[in-house]
Amino acid sequence: MQITYGLTVYAADGEKLGKVKELVVDPRHRVVTHLVVQQGLFFTHDRLITAEHIKATDENGVYLSCDSNELEMSSQPFNHQQYVELKDEDLMARSGVGGAVWMPPENEFGGAGLNSLVPPGIGPIPPEPEVSIPNDSVGLSHGARVISEDGVNLGSVQEFQTNNDEEITHIVISEGHLFKETKKIPVDWIRKISEEEIALGVPLSVIEQL
């Protein structure tokens, strides 16, 4: 399924909703989870539409399985401040846009847990995450190395942050030679864990934007 920047998005009833402005990507698997449809005659704001609603695509557009009334109720506004640009060269070559990944706000995590690669309420995403962090026992110690997708040693784990349900939401990387301040990394961005190392699914360029 090829989705490229600028394609017109059509509802099941033939309504033109707007054009593809951005792609929201699962940072661990590079799966497109949502379309960002730009504001236009139908939407007054940029909107997020789950990829589950995509029925077909061709060189002329993206065709959805829901009608315009359903999408108006089920889609949600795209909050640019909660997303970080993912400069994925492969995705850029295929789709003309590098994609974006969601950055869960600490005060809005709401117990979403590790399956929250997109904001709560937006809809389910495939595939199932490969990472598992038990809420009551984490096989990591403070000081574990944190490595970006492109192999850069970002620093070490200073602490874990949890929500009111005692679920881990973020890891905090201590300041060092790369960063002059601590960085809070959402656990959604973790690709692989060992006792001494955390491997992320995003490159250094994403972490620098935090």
N, C-alpha and C. Protein backbone atom coordinates (compact mmCIF):
# COMPACT_ATOMS: atom_id res chain seq x y z
N MET A 1 0.85 -1.18 0.00
CA MET A 1 0.00 0.00 0.00
C MET A 1 0.89 1.23 0.00
N GLN A 2 0.79 2.02 -1.03
CA GLN A 2 1.63 3.20 -1.20
C GLN A 2 0.84 4.45 -0.87
N ILE A 3 1.30 5.18 0.13
CA ILE A 3 0.66 6.44 0.51
C ILE A 3 1.70 7.53 0.38
N THR A 4 1.41 8.51 -0.42
CA THR A 4 2.39 9.57 -0.65
C THR A 4 1.82 10.93 -0.26
N TYR A 5 2.72 11.82 0.04
CA TYR A 5 2.36 13.17 0.43
C TYR A 5 1.56 13.86 -0.67
N GLY A 6 0.46 14.51 -0.27
CA GLY A 6 -0.33 15.29 -1.22
C GLY A 6 -1.47 14.55 -1.87
N LEU A 7 -1.60 13.23 -1.64
CA LEU A 7 -2.72 12.49 -2.23
C LEU A 7 -4.05 12.97 -1.62
N THR A 8 -5.08 13.03 -2.44
CA THR A 8 -6.41 13.39 -1.96
C THR A 8 -7.01 12.21 -1.20
N VAL A 9 -7.65 12.50 -0.06
CA VAL A 9 -8.26 11.47 0.77
C VAL A 9 -9.78 11.53 0.56
N TYR A 10 -10.37 10.36 0.20
CA TYR A 10 -11.80 10.28 -0.08
C TYR A 10 -12.50 9.42 0.97
N ALA A 11 -13.63 9.90 1.48
CA ALA A 11 -14.47 9.09 2.36
C ALA A 11 -15.24 8.07 1.51
N ALA A 12 -15.90 7.11 2.17
CA ALA A 12 -16.63 6.07 1.46
C ALA A 12 -17.80 6.63 0.65
N ASP A 13 -18.33 7.77 1.07
CA ASP A 13 -19.44 8.39 0.33
C ASP A 13 -18.95 9.33 -0.77
N GLY A 14 -17.66 9.30 -1.06
CA GLY A 14 -17.11 10.11 -2.14
C GLY A 14 -16.69 11.51 -1.75
N GLU A 15 -16.89 11.89 -0.49
CA GLU A 15 -16.52 13.23 -0.03
C GLU A 15 -15.01 13.38 -0.03
N LYS A 16 -14.53 14.50 -0.59
CA LYS A 16 -13.11 14.82 -0.55
C LYS A 16 -12.80 15.44 0.81
N LEU A 17 -12.00 14.75 1.61
CA LEU A 17 -11.71 15.23 2.96
C LEU A 17 -10.55 16.19 3.02
N GLY A 18 -9.63 16.07 2.08
CA GLY A 18 -8.43 16.88 2.09
C GLY A 18 -7.27 16.10 1.51
N LYS A 19 -6.07 16.52 1.78
CA LYS A 19 -4.89 15.85 1.25
C LYS A 19 -4.01 15.32 2.38
N VAL A 20 -3.23 14.29 2.06
CA VAL A 20 -2.29 13.74 3.04
C VAL A 20 -1.22 14.77 3.32
N LYS A 21 -1.14 15.18 4.58
CA LYS A 21 -0.15 16.19 4.98
C LYS A 21 1.04 15.56 5.68
N GLU A 22 0.79 14.46 6.40
CA GLU A 22 1.82 13.82 7.19
C GLU A 22 1.43 12.37 7.43
N LEU A 23 2.41 11.54 7.77
CA LEU A 23 2.17 10.16 8.16
C LEU A 23 2.66 9.98 9.59
N VAL A 24 1.84 9.36 10.42
CA VAL A 24 2.26 9.02 11.77
C VAL A 24 2.76 7.58 11.75
N VAL A 25 3.94 7.38 12.32
CA VAL A 25 4.65 6.12 12.17
C VAL A 25 4.92 5.49 13.54
N ASP A 26 4.75 4.18 13.62
CA ASP A 26 5.18 3.41 14.78
C ASP A 26 6.71 3.43 14.77
N PRO A 27 7.35 4.02 15.77
CA PRO A 27 8.79 4.19 15.72
C PRO A 27 9.59 2.90 15.83
N ARG A 28 8.95 1.80 16.26
CA ARG A 28 9.69 0.55 16.41
C ARG A 28 9.65 -0.30 15.15
N HIS A 29 8.57 -0.19 14.38
CA HIS A 29 8.40 -1.06 13.22
C HIS A 29 8.31 -0.31 11.89
N ARG A 30 8.26 1.03 11.97
CA ARG A 30 8.11 1.86 10.78
C ARG A 30 6.81 1.53 10.02
N VAL A 31 5.78 1.19 10.78
CA VAL A 31 4.46 0.97 10.22
C VAL A 31 3.68 2.28 10.26
N VAL A 32 3.06 2.66 9.16
CA VAL A 32 2.21 3.85 9.15
C VAL A 32 0.93 3.52 9.91
N THR A 33 0.68 4.25 10.99
CA THR A 33 -0.50 3.99 11.81
C THR A 33 -1.63 4.95 11.53
N HIS A 34 -1.30 6.17 11.08
CA HIS A 34 -2.32 7.18 10.86
C HIS A 34 -1.93 8.12 9.73
N LEU A 35 -2.95 8.68 9.12
CA LEU A 35 -2.78 9.77 8.17
C LEU A 35 -3.09 11.08 8.88
N VAL A 36 -2.36 12.10 8.53
CA VAL A 36 -2.75 13.45 8.93
C VAL A 36 -3.34 14.11 7.69
N VAL A 37 -4.63 14.40 7.75
CA VAL A 37 -5.33 15.04 6.63
C VAL A 37 -5.39 16.53 6.90
N GLN A 38 -4.89 17.31 5.97
CA GLN A 38 -4.82 18.75 6.18
C GLN A 38 -6.20 19.38 6.21
N GLN A 39 -6.31 20.48 6.91
CA GLN A 39 -7.57 21.20 6.96
C GLN A 39 -7.93 21.72 5.58
N GLY A 40 -9.23 21.82 5.36
CA GLY A 40 -9.68 22.27 4.05
C GLY A 40 -11.17 22.57 4.09
N LEU A 41 -11.86 22.23 3.02
CA LEU A 41 -13.29 22.52 2.95
C LEU A 41 -14.09 21.66 3.92
N PHE A 42 -13.58 20.45 4.25
CA PHE A 42 -14.35 19.55 5.12
C PHE A 42 -13.89 19.66 6.57
N PHE A 43 -12.59 19.57 6.80
CA PHE A 43 -12.05 19.66 8.16
C PHE A 43 -11.56 21.08 8.42
N THR A 44 -11.88 21.61 9.60
CA THR A 44 -11.42 22.95 9.95
C THR A 44 -10.04 22.93 10.58
N HIS A 45 -9.56 21.74 10.96
CA HIS A 45 -8.21 21.58 11.50
C HIS A 45 -7.60 20.32 10.90
N ASP A 46 -6.28 20.24 10.92
CA ASP A 46 -5.63 18.99 10.52
C ASP A 46 -6.16 17.87 11.41
N ARG A 47 -6.48 16.69 10.79
CA ARG A 47 -7.11 15.60 11.54
C ARG A 47 -6.30 14.32 11.40
N LEU A 48 -6.35 13.50 12.46
CA LEU A 48 -5.74 12.18 12.45
C LEU A 48 -6.78 11.14 12.07
N ILE A 49 -6.45 10.31 11.08
CA ILE A 49 -7.33 9.21 10.68
C ILE A 49 -6.54 7.92 10.74
N THR A 50 -7.05 6.93 11.48
CA THR A 50 -6.33 5.69 11.64
C THR A 50 -6.19 4.95 10.32
N ALA A 51 -5.05 4.30 10.15
CA ALA A 51 -4.78 3.55 8.91
C ALA A 51 -5.73 2.39 8.73
N GLU A 52 -6.40 1.97 9.82
CA GLU A 52 -7.39 0.89 9.71
C GLU A 52 -8.52 1.25 8.75
N HIS A 53 -8.77 2.54 8.59
CA HIS A 53 -9.87 2.97 7.72
C HIS A 53 -9.48 3.01 6.25
N ILE A 54 -8.22 2.78 5.92
CA ILE A 54 -7.79 2.83 4.53
C ILE A 54 -8.24 1.56 3.81
N LYS A 55 -9.04 1.74 2.77
CA LYS A 55 -9.56 0.61 1.99
C LYS A 55 -8.68 0.33 0.78
N ALA A 56 -8.22 1.39 0.14
CA ALA A 56 -7.40 1.23 -1.06
C ALA A 56 -6.66 2.54 -1.34
N THR A 57 -5.60 2.42 -2.12
CA THR A 57 -4.87 3.61 -2.57
C THR A 57 -4.47 3.41 -4.03
N ASP A 58 -4.35 4.50 -4.76
CA ASP A 58 -3.77 4.45 -6.10
C ASP A 58 -3.08 5.79 -6.33
N GLU A 59 -2.67 6.04 -7.56
CA GLU A 59 -1.93 7.27 -7.83
C GLU A 59 -2.80 8.52 -7.72
N ASN A 60 -4.12 8.32 -7.62
CA ASN A 60 -5.03 9.46 -7.56
C ASN A 60 -5.51 9.80 -6.16
N GLY A 61 -5.43 8.84 -5.24
CA GLY A 61 -5.94 9.15 -3.92
C GLY A 61 -5.89 8.00 -2.94
N VAL A 62 -6.35 8.32 -1.72
CA VAL A 62 -6.50 7.33 -0.64
C VAL A 62 -8.00 7.20 -0.39
N TYR A 63 -8.49 5.96 -0.40
CA TYR A 63 -9.93 5.70 -0.30
C TYR A 63 -10.22 5.00 1.03
N LEU A 64 -11.13 5.59 1.81
CA LEU A 64 -11.41 5.10 3.15
C LEU A 64 -12.70 4.27 3.17
N SER A 65 -12.83 3.48 4.24
CA SER A 65 -13.98 2.58 4.38
C SER A 65 -15.13 3.22 5.14
N CYS A 66 -14.94 4.41 5.70
CA CYS A 66 -15.97 5.11 6.48
C CYS A 66 -16.47 6.33 5.72
N ASP A 67 -17.75 6.66 5.94
CA ASP A 67 -18.27 7.85 5.28
C ASP A 67 -17.84 9.11 6.04
N SER A 68 -18.12 10.24 5.46
CA SER A 68 -17.61 11.51 5.99
C SER A 68 -18.18 11.82 7.37
N ASN A 69 -19.45 11.48 7.62
CA ASN A 69 -20.03 11.74 8.93
C ASN A 69 -19.34 10.92 10.02
N GLU A 70 -19.07 9.64 9.74
CA GLU A 70 -18.37 8.79 10.71
C GLU A 70 -16.98 9.34 11.00
N LEU A 71 -16.28 9.77 9.96
CA LEU A 71 -14.91 10.27 10.13
C LEU A 71 -14.87 11.59 10.88
N GLU A 72 -15.90 12.39 10.68
CA GLU A 72 -15.95 13.67 11.39
C GLU A 72 -16.06 13.43 12.90
N MET A 73 -16.75 12.34 13.28
CA MET A 73 -16.91 12.03 14.70
C MET A 73 -15.73 11.24 15.27
N SER A 74 -15.15 10.35 14.45
CA SER A 74 -14.12 9.44 14.98
C SER A 74 -12.70 9.98 14.86
N SER A 75 -12.44 10.85 13.90
CA SER A 75 -11.10 11.41 13.76
C SER A 75 -10.87 12.46 14.83
N GLN A 76 -9.59 12.71 15.12
CA GLN A 76 -9.26 13.68 16.16
C GLN A 76 -8.28 14.72 15.63
N PRO A 77 -8.27 15.90 16.25
CA PRO A 77 -7.35 16.94 15.79
C PRO A 77 -5.90 16.50 15.92
N PHE A 78 -5.07 16.95 15.01
CA PHE A 78 -3.65 16.65 15.04
C PHE A 78 -2.95 17.77 15.78
N ASN A 79 -2.41 17.44 16.96
CA ASN A 79 -1.70 18.42 17.78
C ASN A 79 -0.22 18.36 17.43
N HIS A 80 0.25 19.31 16.66
CA HIS A 80 1.63 19.28 16.16
C HIS A 80 2.65 19.26 17.30
N GLN A 81 2.31 19.84 18.43
CA GLN A 81 3.26 19.92 19.53
C GLN A 81 3.51 18.57 20.20
N GLN A 82 2.66 17.59 19.95
CA GLN A 82 2.82 16.28 20.57
C GLN A 82 3.51 15.28 19.64
N TYR A 83 4.06 15.76 18.54
CA TYR A 83 4.72 14.87 17.59
C TYR A 83 6.13 15.36 17.29
N VAL A 84 6.99 14.42 16.98
CA VAL A 84 8.37 14.72 16.66
C VAL A 84 8.65 14.19 15.27
N GLU A 85 9.33 14.99 14.47
CA GLU A 85 9.64 14.60 13.10
C GLU A 85 10.57 13.40 13.07
N LEU A 86 10.21 12.41 12.28
CA LEU A 86 11.05 11.23 12.08
C LEU A 86 11.67 11.33 10.70
N LYS A 87 12.96 11.62 10.65
CA LYS A 87 13.63 11.82 9.37
C LYS A 87 14.08 10.48 8.82
N ASP A 88 13.10 9.72 8.36
CA ASP A 88 13.35 8.37 7.83
C ASP A 88 13.57 8.47 6.33
N GLU A 89 14.79 8.27 5.88
CA GLU A 89 15.11 8.44 4.47
C GLU A 89 14.38 7.46 3.58
N ASP A 90 14.19 6.23 4.08
CA ASP A 90 13.47 5.23 3.29
C ASP A 90 12.01 5.63 3.12
N LEU A 91 11.39 6.07 4.19
CA LEU A 91 10.01 6.53 4.12
C LEU A 91 9.89 7.76 3.24
N MET A 92 10.87 8.64 3.34
CA MET A 92 10.87 9.85 2.51
C MET A 92 10.94 9.49 1.03
N ALA A 93 11.76 8.49 0.69
CA ALA A 93 11.90 8.08 -0.70
C ALA A 93 10.61 7.46 -1.23
N ARG A 94 9.92 6.70 -0.36
CA ARG A 94 8.70 6.02 -0.80
C ARG A 94 7.47 6.91 -0.79
N SER A 95 7.40 7.82 0.18
CA SER A 95 6.16 8.55 0.39
C SER A 95 6.29 10.06 0.22
N GLY A 96 7.52 10.55 0.12
CA GLY A 96 7.70 11.99 -0.04
C GLY A 96 7.60 12.74 1.26
N VAL A 97 7.51 12.01 2.38
CA VAL A 97 7.45 12.64 3.69
C VAL A 97 8.12 11.70 4.68
N GLY A 98 8.84 12.28 5.64
CA GLY A 98 9.62 11.46 6.56
C GLY A 98 8.85 10.90 7.73
N GLY A 99 7.60 11.34 7.93
CA GLY A 99 6.79 10.81 9.01
C GLY A 99 6.99 11.53 10.32
N ALA A 100 6.14 11.19 11.30
CA ALA A 100 6.20 11.77 12.63
C ALA A 100 5.90 10.68 13.64
N VAL A 101 6.43 10.82 14.85
CA VAL A 101 6.14 9.89 15.93
C VAL A 101 5.55 10.67 17.09
N TRP A 102 4.63 10.00 17.79
CA TRP A 102 3.95 10.64 18.91
C TRP A 102 4.86 10.71 20.12
N MET A 103 4.83 11.83 20.81
CA MET A 103 5.60 12.03 22.04
C MET A 103 4.60 12.18 23.18
N PRO A 104 4.35 11.10 23.94
CA PRO A 104 3.31 11.16 24.99
C PRO A 104 3.64 12.20 26.05
N PRO A 105 2.75 13.15 26.30
CA PRO A 105 2.98 14.12 27.38
C PRO A 105 2.93 13.39 28.72
N GLU A 106 3.78 13.79 29.63
CA GLU A 106 3.83 13.11 30.93
C GLU A 106 2.51 13.21 31.68
N ASN A 107 1.84 14.34 31.58
CA ASN A 107 0.62 14.52 32.36
C ASN A 107 -0.63 14.05 31.62
N GLU A 108 -0.46 13.44 30.44
CA GLU A 108 -1.62 12.98 29.69
C GLU A 108 -1.51 11.51 29.31
N PHE A 109 -0.60 10.79 29.97
CA PHE A 109 -0.38 9.40 29.59
C PHE A 109 -1.58 8.55 29.92
N GLY A 110 -2.23 8.85 31.06
CA GLY A 110 -3.51 8.24 31.37
C GLY A 110 -3.50 6.74 31.49
N GLY A 111 -2.40 6.13 31.88
CA GLY A 111 -2.37 4.69 32.04
C GLY A 111 -2.38 3.93 30.74
N ALA A 112 -2.02 4.61 29.65
CA ALA A 112 -2.08 3.95 28.34
C ALA A 112 -1.08 2.81 28.24
N GLY A 113 0.05 2.94 28.94
CA GLY A 113 1.00 1.84 28.97
C GLY A 113 1.79 1.68 27.70
N LEU A 114 2.37 0.50 27.53
CA LEU A 114 3.30 0.28 26.44
C LEU A 114 2.64 0.12 25.08
N ASN A 115 1.33 -0.03 25.04
CA ASN A 115 0.65 -0.19 23.76
C ASN A 115 0.15 1.14 23.22
N SER A 116 0.70 2.24 23.71
CA SER A 116 0.16 3.56 23.40
C SER A 116 0.96 4.30 22.35
N LEU A 117 1.33 3.64 21.28
CA LEU A 117 2.18 4.27 20.29
C LEU A 117 1.53 5.47 19.61
N VAL A 118 0.23 5.60 19.78
CA VAL A 118 -0.49 6.78 19.30
C VAL A 118 -1.39 7.23 20.43
N PRO A 119 -1.89 8.46 20.39
CA PRO A 119 -2.68 8.98 21.51
C PRO A 119 -3.87 8.09 21.85
N PRO A 120 -4.19 7.95 23.14
CA PRO A 120 -5.34 7.14 23.55
C PRO A 120 -6.61 7.60 22.87
N GLY A 121 -7.45 6.64 22.46
CA GLY A 121 -8.72 6.97 21.84
C GLY A 121 -8.68 7.07 20.34
N ILE A 122 -7.46 7.04 19.75
CA ILE A 122 -7.36 7.17 18.31
C ILE A 122 -7.66 5.85 17.61
N GLY A 123 -7.36 4.75 18.24
CA GLY A 123 -7.65 3.46 17.62
C GLY A 123 -6.49 2.49 17.76
N PRO A 124 -6.74 1.21 17.50
CA PRO A 124 -5.69 0.18 17.63
C PRO A 124 -4.66 0.29 16.53
N ILE A 125 -3.49 -0.29 16.79
CA ILE A 125 -2.43 -0.28 15.80
C ILE A 125 -1.81 -1.66 15.67
N PRO A 126 -1.46 -2.08 14.46
CA PRO A 126 -0.68 -3.30 14.27
C PRO A 126 0.78 -2.90 14.09
N PRO A 127 1.79 -3.79 14.27
CA PRO A 127 1.64 -5.09 14.92
C PRO A 127 1.79 -4.97 16.42
N GLU A 128 1.66 -6.09 17.13
CA GLU A 128 1.85 -6.07 18.58
C GLU A 128 3.28 -5.68 18.91
N PRO A 129 3.49 -4.87 19.92
CA PRO A 129 4.86 -4.50 20.30
C PRO A 129 5.67 -5.72 20.71
N GLU A 130 6.96 -5.70 20.39
CA GLU A 130 7.84 -6.79 20.75
C GLU A 130 8.48 -6.58 22.12
N VAL A 131 8.31 -5.37 22.66
CA VAL A 131 8.95 -5.02 23.92
C VAL A 131 7.98 -5.28 25.06
N SER A 132 8.46 -5.84 26.14
CA SER A 132 7.63 -6.05 27.32
C SER A 132 8.39 -5.60 28.55
N ILE A 133 7.81 -4.65 29.27
CA ILE A 133 8.40 -4.20 30.52
C ILE A 133 7.38 -4.43 31.63
N PRO A 134 7.58 -5.40 32.50
CA PRO A 134 6.63 -5.61 33.60
C PRO A 134 6.54 -4.36 34.46
N ASN A 135 5.33 -4.03 34.89
CA ASN A 135 5.15 -2.82 35.69
C ASN A 135 5.79 -2.93 37.06
N ASP A 136 5.89 -4.16 37.61
CA ASP A 136 6.37 -4.30 38.98
C ASP A 136 7.82 -4.73 39.07
N SER A 137 8.43 -5.07 37.93
CA SER A 137 9.81 -5.55 37.99
C SER A 137 10.49 -5.27 36.67
N VAL A 138 11.43 -4.36 36.68
CA VAL A 138 12.14 -3.99 35.46
C VAL A 138 13.56 -4.51 35.54
N GLY A 139 13.95 -5.30 34.53
CA GLY A 139 15.28 -5.90 34.54
C GLY A 139 16.35 -4.94 34.09
N LEU A 140 16.35 -3.74 34.62
CA LEU A 140 17.34 -2.73 34.27
C LEU A 140 17.82 -2.05 35.53
N SER A 141 19.04 -1.62 35.51
CA SER A 141 19.57 -0.87 36.64
C SER A 141 19.86 0.55 36.21
N HIS A 142 19.88 1.45 37.15
CA HIS A 142 20.30 2.82 36.84
C HIS A 142 21.72 2.76 36.29
N GLY A 143 21.96 3.53 35.26
CA GLY A 143 23.27 3.51 34.64
C GLY A 143 23.33 2.68 33.37
N ALA A 144 22.23 1.99 33.03
CA ALA A 144 22.21 1.21 31.79
C ALA A 144 22.39 2.14 30.59
N ARG A 145 23.13 1.69 29.60
CA ARG A 145 23.36 2.49 28.39
C ARG A 145 22.07 2.62 27.58
N VAL A 146 21.91 3.76 26.93
CA VAL A 146 20.78 3.98 26.02
C VAL A 146 21.35 4.27 24.64
N ILE A 147 20.98 3.43 23.66
CA ILE A 147 21.55 3.52 22.32
C ILE A 147 20.46 3.89 21.32
N SER A 148 20.76 4.87 20.47
CA SER A 148 19.80 5.27 19.44
C SER A 148 19.77 4.24 18.31
N GLU A 149 18.78 4.37 17.46
CA GLU A 149 18.64 3.44 16.33
C GLU A 149 19.87 3.45 15.43
N ASP A 150 20.51 4.60 15.30
CA ASP A 150 21.68 4.70 14.45
C ASP A 150 22.98 4.44 15.20
N GLY A 151 22.88 3.80 16.38
CA GLY A 151 24.06 3.31 17.08
C GLY A 151 24.80 4.31 17.94
N VAL A 152 24.19 5.46 18.23
CA VAL A 152 24.85 6.47 19.05
C VAL A 152 24.56 6.19 20.53
N ASN A 153 25.60 6.21 21.34
CA ASN A 153 25.44 6.07 22.79
C ASN A 153 24.93 7.40 23.33
N LEU A 154 23.67 7.44 23.74
CA LEU A 154 23.03 8.69 24.14
C LEU A 154 23.34 9.07 25.58
N GLY A 155 23.74 8.10 26.37
CA GLY A 155 23.98 8.35 27.79
C GLY A 155 23.50 7.16 28.58
N SER A 156 23.22 7.37 29.85
CA SER A 156 22.80 6.28 30.72
C SER A 156 21.49 6.63 31.42
N VAL A 157 20.80 5.61 31.89
CA VAL A 157 19.53 5.80 32.57
C VAL A 157 19.76 6.42 33.94
N GLN A 158 19.12 7.55 34.16
CA GLN A 158 19.23 8.22 35.46
C GLN A 158 18.07 7.82 36.37
N GLU A 159 16.88 7.72 35.78
CA GLU A 159 15.71 7.32 36.57
C GLU A 159 14.59 6.88 35.64
N PHE A 160 13.54 6.29 36.24
CA PHE A 160 12.33 5.94 35.52
C PHE A 160 11.20 6.83 36.03
N GLN A 161 10.30 7.20 35.15
CA GLN A 161 9.13 7.95 35.56
C GLN A 161 7.89 7.08 35.36
N THR A 162 6.95 7.17 36.30
CA THR A 162 5.73 6.37 36.24
C THR A 162 4.52 7.28 36.31
N ASN A 163 3.36 6.73 35.92
CA ASN A 163 2.11 7.46 36.06
C ASN A 163 1.44 7.07 37.37
N ASN A 164 0.21 7.49 37.56
CA ASN A 164 -0.49 7.22 38.82
C ASN A 164 -0.79 5.74 39.02
N ASP A 165 -0.75 4.97 37.93
CA ASP A 165 -0.97 3.53 38.03
C ASP A 165 0.33 2.76 38.20
N GLU A 166 1.41 3.49 38.43
CA GLU A 166 2.74 2.92 38.62
C GLU A 166 3.24 2.18 37.37
N GLU A 167 2.76 2.58 36.21
CA GLU A 167 3.28 2.08 34.95
C GLU A 167 4.42 2.99 34.50
N ILE A 168 5.48 2.40 34.02
CA ILE A 168 6.61 3.19 33.54
C ILE A 168 6.22 3.87 32.24
N THR A 169 6.38 5.18 32.18
CA THR A 169 6.04 5.94 30.99
C THR A 169 7.25 6.51 30.27
N HIS A 170 8.30 6.86 31.03
CA HIS A 170 9.49 7.48 30.46
C HIS A 170 10.75 6.98 31.16
N ILE A 171 11.85 6.98 30.42
CA ILE A 171 13.16 6.83 31.04
C ILE A 171 13.86 8.18 30.91
N VAL A 172 14.65 8.51 31.91
CA VAL A 172 15.35 9.79 31.92
C VAL A 172 16.83 9.53 31.69
N ILE A 173 17.36 10.13 30.64
CA ILE A 173 18.78 9.99 30.31
C ILE A 173 19.55 11.14 30.94
N SER A 174 20.63 10.81 31.61
CA SER A 174 21.42 11.84 32.28
C SER A 174 22.15 12.70 31.25
N GLU A 175 22.46 13.91 31.65
CA GLU A 175 23.21 14.80 30.77
C GLU A 175 24.63 14.27 30.60
N GLY A 176 25.24 14.60 29.48
CA GLY A 176 26.59 14.11 29.21
C GLY A 176 27.23 14.87 28.08
N HIS A 177 28.09 14.20 27.34
CA HIS A 177 28.81 14.90 26.28
C HIS A 177 27.91 15.23 25.10
N LEU A 178 26.80 14.48 24.93
CA LEU A 178 25.87 14.77 23.83
C LEU A 178 24.85 15.84 24.20
N PHE A 179 24.30 15.74 25.40
CA PHE A 179 23.23 16.64 25.81
C PHE A 179 23.64 17.41 27.06
N LYS A 180 23.30 18.67 27.11
CA LYS A 180 23.63 19.52 28.25
C LYS A 180 22.54 19.47 29.32
N GLU A 181 21.48 18.73 29.06
CA GLU A 181 20.41 18.57 30.04
C GLU A 181 19.85 17.16 29.91
N THR A 182 19.08 16.74 30.91
CA THR A 182 18.49 15.40 30.85
C THR A 182 17.46 15.32 29.75
N LYS A 183 17.27 14.12 29.22
CA LYS A 183 16.27 13.87 28.19
C LYS A 183 15.29 12.81 28.69
N LYS A 184 14.00 13.05 28.49
CA LYS A 184 12.96 12.10 28.89
C LYS A 184 12.47 11.36 27.65
N ILE A 185 12.68 10.06 27.62
CA ILE A 185 12.36 9.24 26.45
C ILE A 185 11.11 8.42 26.73
N PRO A 186 10.06 8.53 25.92
CA PRO A 186 8.88 7.68 26.13
C PRO A 186 9.24 6.20 25.95
N VAL A 187 8.67 5.35 26.81
CA VAL A 187 8.98 3.92 26.69
C VAL A 187 8.45 3.34 25.39
N ASP A 188 7.50 4.03 24.75
CA ASP A 188 6.99 3.58 23.46
C ASP A 188 8.08 3.51 22.40
N TRP A 189 9.14 4.26 22.62
CA TRP A 189 10.21 4.33 21.61
C TRP A 189 11.27 3.26 21.81
N ILE A 190 11.13 2.43 22.84
CA ILE A 190 12.11 1.38 23.11
C ILE A 190 11.88 0.20 22.17
N ARG A 191 12.96 -0.23 21.53
CA ARG A 191 12.87 -1.36 20.59
C ARG A 191 13.34 -2.66 21.21
N LYS A 192 14.37 -2.59 22.05
CA LYS A 192 14.95 -3.81 22.62
C LYS A 192 15.57 -3.48 23.97
N ILE A 193 15.47 -4.45 24.89
CA ILE A 193 16.00 -4.25 26.23
C ILE A 193 16.87 -5.42 26.64
N SER A 194 18.00 -5.12 27.24
CA SER A 194 18.80 -6.13 27.93
C SER A 194 19.12 -5.56 29.31
N GLU A 195 19.82 -6.33 30.15
CA GLU A 195 20.07 -5.87 31.50
C GLU A 195 20.98 -4.65 31.54
N GLU A 196 21.81 -4.49 30.53
CA GLU A 196 22.78 -3.40 30.56
C GLU A 196 22.54 -2.34 29.49
N GLU A 197 21.55 -2.56 28.63
CA GLU A 197 21.39 -1.64 27.50
C GLU A 197 19.93 -1.53 27.07
N ILE A 198 19.54 -0.32 26.68
CA ILE A 198 18.24 -0.05 26.08
C ILE A 198 18.48 0.43 24.65
N ALA A 199 17.92 -0.27 23.68
CA ALA A 199 18.04 0.13 22.27
C ALA A 199 16.73 0.78 21.84
N LEU A 200 16.83 1.98 21.31
CA LEU A 200 15.65 2.72 20.88
C LEU A 200 15.33 2.46 19.41
N GLY A 201 14.10 2.76 19.04
CA GLY A 201 13.68 2.61 17.65
C GLY A 201 13.72 3.91 16.88
N VAL A 202 14.33 4.94 17.47
CA VAL A 202 14.44 6.25 16.82
C VAL A 202 15.90 6.69 16.79
N PRO A 203 16.29 7.46 15.79
CA PRO A 203 17.69 7.90 15.68
C PRO A 203 17.98 9.11 16.57
N LEU A 204 19.23 9.50 16.60
CA LEU A 204 19.68 10.65 17.38
C LEU A 204 18.92 11.91 16.98
N SER A 205 18.62 12.10 15.70
CA SER A 205 17.95 13.31 15.24
C SER A 205 16.59 13.52 15.90
N VAL A 206 15.92 12.43 16.27
CA VAL A 206 14.64 12.54 16.97
C VAL A 206 14.87 12.95 18.42
N ILE A 207 15.83 12.31 19.08
CA ILE A 207 16.10 12.62 20.48
C ILE A 207 16.52 14.08 20.63
N GLU A 208 17.26 14.61 19.68
CA GLU A 208 17.72 16.00 19.75
C GLU A 208 16.55 16.98 19.74
N GLN A 209 15.40 16.56 19.21
CA GLN A 209 14.23 17.45 19.14
C GLN A 209 13.47 17.53 20.46
N LEU A 210 13.76 16.62 21.38
CA LEU A 210 13.01 16.60 22.64
C LEU A 210 13.34 17.83 23.49
